[in-house]
Amino acid sequence: MATTATATARSAPTVSEQVANGVKIVANLALLPGSSQIVEGKVGSGVVYGLAGFAARAVFGPIGWIATGLDSYSLSSSGKHLWEHLTMPRVDDQPAKPGKPE
């Protein structure tokens, strides 16, 4: 039985990308949520994440700060919010299957 790979091929991140991602996550969690957004030039988004981090910390404590920082990191490293990684993909997000058109 032969199986075919349906996942798209994605290359592994380089060492410099891994180091940059490590710095981003530390900055988002230890300094200010949204730090990685600001470094990438998305200042407006970074400021909003920073304010949201302070608000979440005031309401939920350190868990709110960490959750906001993780979402900011997720958005900067993959382009998706944290909850988008945890939910099932929509039908229109899946790649089209090769075959005969109907």
N, C-alpha and C. Protein backbone atom coordinates (compact mmCIF):
# COMPACT_ATOMS: atom_id res chain seq x y z
N MET A 1 0.84 -1.18 0.00
CA MET A 1 0.00 0.00 0.00
C MET A 1 0.88 1.24 0.00
N ALA A 2 0.65 2.08 -0.92
CA ALA A 2 1.39 3.33 -0.99
C ALA A 2 0.53 4.45 -0.44
N THR A 3 1.16 5.31 0.31
CA THR A 3 0.44 6.48 0.83
C THR A 3 1.05 7.73 0.22
N THR A 4 0.24 8.74 0.08
CA THR A 4 0.74 10.00 -0.47
C THR A 4 0.67 11.06 0.62
N ALA A 5 1.62 11.94 0.58
CA ALA A 5 1.65 13.03 1.56
C ALA A 5 0.74 14.14 1.07
N THR A 6 -0.19 14.55 1.91
CA THR A 6 -1.10 15.62 1.53
C THR A 6 -0.72 16.94 2.15
N ALA A 7 0.18 16.93 3.13
CA ALA A 7 0.59 18.18 3.76
C ALA A 7 1.56 18.91 2.84
N THR A 8 1.52 20.21 2.89
CA THR A 8 2.44 20.99 2.07
C THR A 8 3.83 20.93 2.69
N ALA A 9 4.83 20.90 1.84
CA ALA A 9 6.20 20.84 2.30
C ALA A 9 6.61 22.22 2.83
N ARG A 10 7.18 22.22 4.02
CA ARG A 10 7.61 23.47 4.62
C ARG A 10 9.01 23.23 5.16
N SER A 11 9.92 24.11 4.80
CA SER A 11 11.29 23.92 5.24
C SER A 11 11.43 24.31 6.70
N ALA A 12 12.40 23.70 7.33
CA ALA A 12 12.67 23.99 8.74
C ALA A 12 13.26 25.40 8.86
N PRO A 13 12.97 26.09 9.96
CA PRO A 13 13.52 27.43 10.13
C PRO A 13 15.05 27.39 10.29
N THR A 14 15.68 28.42 9.79
CA THR A 14 17.13 28.51 9.92
C THR A 14 17.50 28.84 11.36
N VAL A 15 18.79 28.75 11.65
CA VAL A 15 19.26 29.06 13.00
C VAL A 15 18.95 30.51 13.36
N SER A 16 19.14 31.41 12.43
CA SER A 16 18.86 32.82 12.73
C SER A 16 17.37 33.06 12.97
N GLU A 17 16.51 32.35 12.26
CA GLU A 17 15.07 32.47 12.50
C GLU A 17 14.70 31.91 13.86
N GLN A 18 15.34 30.82 14.26
CA GLN A 18 15.09 30.24 15.57
C GLN A 18 15.52 31.18 16.68
N VAL A 19 16.67 31.82 16.52
CA VAL A 19 17.16 32.78 17.52
C VAL A 19 16.22 33.98 17.58
N ALA A 20 15.80 34.48 16.42
CA ALA A 20 14.88 35.62 16.39
C ALA A 20 13.56 35.26 17.06
N ASN A 21 13.05 34.07 16.82
CA ASN A 21 11.80 33.65 17.47
C ASN A 21 11.99 33.52 18.98
N GLY A 22 13.14 33.05 19.42
CA GLY A 22 13.42 32.97 20.85
C GLY A 22 13.44 34.34 21.50
N VAL A 23 14.07 35.29 20.83
CA VAL A 23 14.10 36.65 21.35
C VAL A 23 12.70 37.25 21.37
N LYS A 24 11.90 36.98 20.34
CA LYS A 24 10.53 37.50 20.28
C LYS A 24 9.69 36.98 21.44
N ILE A 25 9.78 35.69 21.72
CA ILE A 25 8.92 35.14 22.78
C ILE A 25 9.35 35.65 24.15
N VAL A 26 10.65 35.79 24.38
CA VAL A 26 11.12 36.34 25.66
C VAL A 26 10.68 37.79 25.80
N ALA A 27 10.80 38.57 24.73
CA ALA A 27 10.38 39.98 24.78
C ALA A 27 8.89 40.10 25.01
N ASN A 28 8.09 39.26 24.38
CA ASN A 28 6.65 39.33 24.54
C ASN A 28 6.20 38.93 25.94
N LEU A 29 6.89 37.99 26.56
CA LEU A 29 6.48 37.51 27.88
C LEU A 29 7.12 38.30 29.02
N ALA A 30 8.37 38.69 28.87
CA ALA A 30 9.08 39.35 29.97
C ALA A 30 9.00 40.87 29.91
N LEU A 31 9.05 41.44 28.73
CA LEU A 31 9.06 42.90 28.62
C LEU A 31 7.67 43.48 28.43
N LEU A 32 7.10 43.22 27.26
CA LEU A 32 5.81 43.80 26.92
C LEU A 32 5.17 43.00 25.80
N PRO A 33 3.93 42.54 25.99
CA PRO A 33 3.24 41.90 24.87
C PRO A 33 3.16 42.89 23.69
N GLY A 34 3.45 42.42 22.53
CA GLY A 34 3.44 43.28 21.35
C GLY A 34 4.83 43.74 20.94
N SER A 35 5.85 43.38 21.71
CA SER A 35 7.21 43.79 21.38
C SER A 35 7.63 43.29 20.00
N SER A 36 7.27 42.05 19.68
CA SER A 36 7.66 41.51 18.38
C SER A 36 6.94 42.22 17.25
N GLN A 37 5.72 42.66 17.50
CA GLN A 37 4.98 43.42 16.49
C GLN A 37 5.68 44.76 16.22
N ILE A 38 6.13 45.41 17.28
CA ILE A 38 6.80 46.71 17.13
C ILE A 38 8.11 46.54 16.38
N VAL A 39 8.87 45.50 16.69
CA VAL A 39 10.14 45.25 16.01
C VAL A 39 9.92 45.00 14.52
N GLU A 40 8.83 44.34 14.17
CA GLU A 40 8.53 44.06 12.76
C GLU A 40 7.99 45.28 12.02
N GLY A 41 7.76 46.39 12.73
CA GLY A 41 7.27 47.60 12.10
C GLY A 41 5.78 47.79 12.21
N LYS A 42 5.10 46.89 12.88
CA LYS A 42 3.65 47.00 13.08
C LYS A 42 3.41 47.69 14.43
N VAL A 43 3.74 48.98 14.47
CA VAL A 43 3.72 49.73 15.73
C VAL A 43 2.31 49.80 16.31
N GLY A 44 1.32 50.07 15.48
CA GLY A 44 -0.06 50.18 15.96
C GLY A 44 -0.52 48.90 16.61
N SER A 45 -0.27 47.77 15.97
CA SER A 45 -0.64 46.48 16.52
C SER A 45 0.13 46.19 17.80
N GLY A 46 1.41 46.55 17.84
CA GLY A 46 2.22 46.34 19.02
C GLY A 46 1.74 47.14 20.21
N VAL A 47 1.35 48.39 19.98
CA VAL A 47 0.84 49.24 21.06
C VAL A 47 -0.48 48.68 21.58
N VAL A 48 -1.33 48.22 20.68
CA VAL A 48 -2.62 47.64 21.10
C VAL A 48 -2.37 46.39 21.95
N TYR A 49 -1.43 45.54 21.53
CA TYR A 49 -1.11 44.35 22.32
C TYR A 49 -0.53 44.75 23.69
N GLY A 50 0.29 45.79 23.73
CA GLY A 50 0.84 46.24 25.00
C GLY A 50 -0.25 46.71 25.95
N LEU A 51 -1.16 47.52 25.44
CA LEU A 51 -2.28 47.99 26.27
C LEU A 51 -3.18 46.83 26.69
N ALA A 52 -3.41 45.90 25.76
CA ALA A 52 -4.22 44.72 26.09
C ALA A 52 -3.53 43.87 27.15
N GLY A 53 -2.20 43.80 27.11
CA GLY A 53 -1.45 43.05 28.10
C GLY A 53 -1.63 43.64 29.50
N PHE A 54 -1.56 44.98 29.60
CA PHE A 54 -1.76 45.61 30.91
C PHE A 54 -3.20 45.42 31.40
N ALA A 55 -4.15 45.53 30.49
CA ALA A 55 -5.56 45.32 30.88
C ALA A 55 -5.80 43.88 31.30
N ALA A 56 -5.25 42.93 30.55
CA ALA A 56 -5.43 41.52 30.89
C ALA A 56 -4.75 41.18 32.21
N ARG A 57 -3.61 41.82 32.47
CA ARG A 57 -2.93 41.58 33.75
C ARG A 57 -3.73 42.14 34.91
N ALA A 58 -4.36 43.28 34.70
CA ALA A 58 -5.18 43.88 35.76
C ALA A 58 -6.41 43.02 36.06
N VAL A 59 -6.98 42.41 35.03
CA VAL A 59 -8.19 41.63 35.21
C VAL A 59 -7.89 40.18 35.60
N PHE A 60 -6.97 39.54 34.90
CA PHE A 60 -6.72 38.11 35.08
C PHE A 60 -5.41 37.78 35.78
N GLY A 61 -4.60 38.77 36.08
CA GLY A 61 -3.31 38.53 36.72
C GLY A 61 -2.26 38.11 35.70
N PRO A 62 -1.23 37.42 36.16
CA PRO A 62 -0.13 37.03 35.26
C PRO A 62 -0.57 36.15 34.09
N ILE A 63 -1.62 35.37 34.29
CA ILE A 63 -2.12 34.51 33.19
C ILE A 63 -2.58 35.36 32.01
N GLY A 64 -3.23 36.47 32.28
CA GLY A 64 -3.68 37.37 31.21
C GLY A 64 -2.50 37.97 30.45
N TRP A 65 -1.45 38.36 31.19
CA TRP A 65 -0.24 38.91 30.57
C TRP A 65 0.40 37.86 29.66
N ILE A 66 0.53 36.64 30.16
CA ILE A 66 1.16 35.56 29.40
C ILE A 66 0.33 35.21 28.16
N ALA A 67 -0.99 35.13 28.31
CA ALA A 67 -1.85 34.79 27.17
C ALA A 67 -1.75 35.86 26.09
N THR A 68 -1.72 37.13 26.48
CA THR A 68 -1.60 38.21 25.50
C THR A 68 -0.24 38.15 24.82
N GLY A 69 0.81 37.88 25.57
CA GLY A 69 2.14 37.77 24.98
C GLY A 69 2.26 36.60 24.02
N LEU A 70 1.65 35.47 24.39
CA LEU A 70 1.69 34.30 23.50
C LEU A 70 0.91 34.55 22.21
N ASP A 71 -0.21 35.26 22.30
CA ASP A 71 -0.97 35.56 21.09
C ASP A 71 -0.18 36.50 20.19
N SER A 72 0.47 37.49 20.78
CA SER A 72 1.30 38.40 19.99
C SER A 72 2.43 37.66 19.30
N TYR A 73 3.08 36.76 20.03
CA TYR A 73 4.16 35.96 19.44
C TYR A 73 3.65 35.09 18.31
N SER A 74 2.51 34.46 18.53
CA SER A 74 1.93 33.58 17.52
C SER A 74 1.63 34.36 16.24
N LEU A 75 1.06 35.55 16.41
CA LEU A 75 0.73 36.37 15.24
C LEU A 75 1.99 36.82 14.51
N SER A 76 3.04 37.15 15.24
CA SER A 76 4.24 37.63 14.57
C SER A 76 5.02 36.51 13.92
N SER A 77 5.01 35.31 14.49
CA SER A 77 5.82 34.24 13.92
C SER A 77 5.11 33.44 12.83
N SER A 78 3.77 33.32 12.93
CA SER A 78 3.07 32.48 11.95
C SER A 78 1.99 33.22 11.16
N GLY A 79 1.64 34.42 11.60
CA GLY A 79 0.58 35.15 10.91
C GLY A 79 -0.82 34.75 11.36
N LYS A 80 -0.91 33.87 12.36
CA LYS A 80 -2.21 33.43 12.88
C LYS A 80 -2.28 33.73 14.37
N HIS A 81 -3.48 34.03 14.84
CA HIS A 81 -3.69 34.20 16.27
C HIS A 81 -3.59 32.84 16.95
N LEU A 82 -3.38 32.88 18.26
CA LEU A 82 -3.19 31.65 19.02
C LEU A 82 -4.38 30.71 18.89
N TRP A 83 -5.58 31.25 18.96
CA TRP A 83 -6.77 30.39 18.89
C TRP A 83 -6.97 29.79 17.51
N GLU A 84 -6.40 30.40 16.47
CA GLU A 84 -6.51 29.84 15.13
C GLU A 84 -5.69 28.56 14.99
N HIS A 85 -4.65 28.41 15.80
CA HIS A 85 -3.87 27.18 15.80
C HIS A 85 -4.60 26.06 16.52
N LEU A 86 -5.50 26.43 17.41
CA LEU A 86 -6.18 25.43 18.23
C LEU A 86 -7.50 24.97 17.64
N THR A 87 -8.01 25.66 16.65
CA THR A 87 -9.30 25.29 16.06
C THR A 87 -9.08 24.52 14.76
N MET A 88 -10.11 23.83 14.33
CA MET A 88 -10.05 23.07 13.09
C MET A 88 -10.09 24.05 11.91
N PRO A 89 -9.36 23.75 10.83
CA PRO A 89 -9.39 24.63 9.66
C PRO A 89 -10.75 24.57 8.97
N ARG A 90 -11.14 25.69 8.41
CA ARG A 90 -12.39 25.73 7.66
C ARG A 90 -12.21 24.98 6.35
N VAL A 91 -13.31 24.62 5.75
CA VAL A 91 -13.27 23.86 4.50
C VAL A 91 -12.57 24.66 3.40
N ASP A 92 -12.82 25.98 3.33
CA ASP A 92 -12.22 26.78 2.26
C ASP A 92 -10.75 27.08 2.54
N ASP A 93 -10.22 26.78 3.74
CA ASP A 93 -8.81 26.96 4.03
C ASP A 93 -7.97 25.76 3.60
N GLN A 94 -8.63 24.62 3.37
CA GLN A 94 -7.90 23.42 2.99
C GLN A 94 -7.55 23.48 1.51
N PRO A 95 -6.38 22.95 1.15
CA PRO A 95 -6.00 22.97 -0.25
C PRO A 95 -6.93 22.09 -1.09
N ALA A 96 -7.08 22.47 -2.34
CA ALA A 96 -7.96 21.72 -3.24
C ALA A 96 -7.31 20.38 -3.56
N LYS A 97 -8.14 19.36 -3.66
CA LYS A 97 -7.64 18.02 -4.00
C LYS A 97 -7.57 17.90 -5.51
N PRO A 98 -6.47 17.36 -6.01
CA PRO A 98 -6.37 17.18 -7.46
C PRO A 98 -7.35 16.11 -7.93
N GLY A 99 -7.88 16.31 -9.07
CA GLY A 99 -8.82 15.34 -9.62
C GLY A 99 -9.54 15.93 -10.81
N LYS A 100 -10.53 15.19 -11.28
CA LYS A 100 -11.29 15.66 -12.42
C LYS A 100 -12.31 16.70 -11.96
N PRO A 101 -12.43 17.78 -12.73
CA PRO A 101 -13.47 18.76 -12.39
C PRO A 101 -14.84 18.16 -12.67
N GLU A 102 -15.81 18.59 -11.87
CA GLU A 102 -17.15 18.02 -12.04
C GLU A 102 -18.04 18.92 -12.85
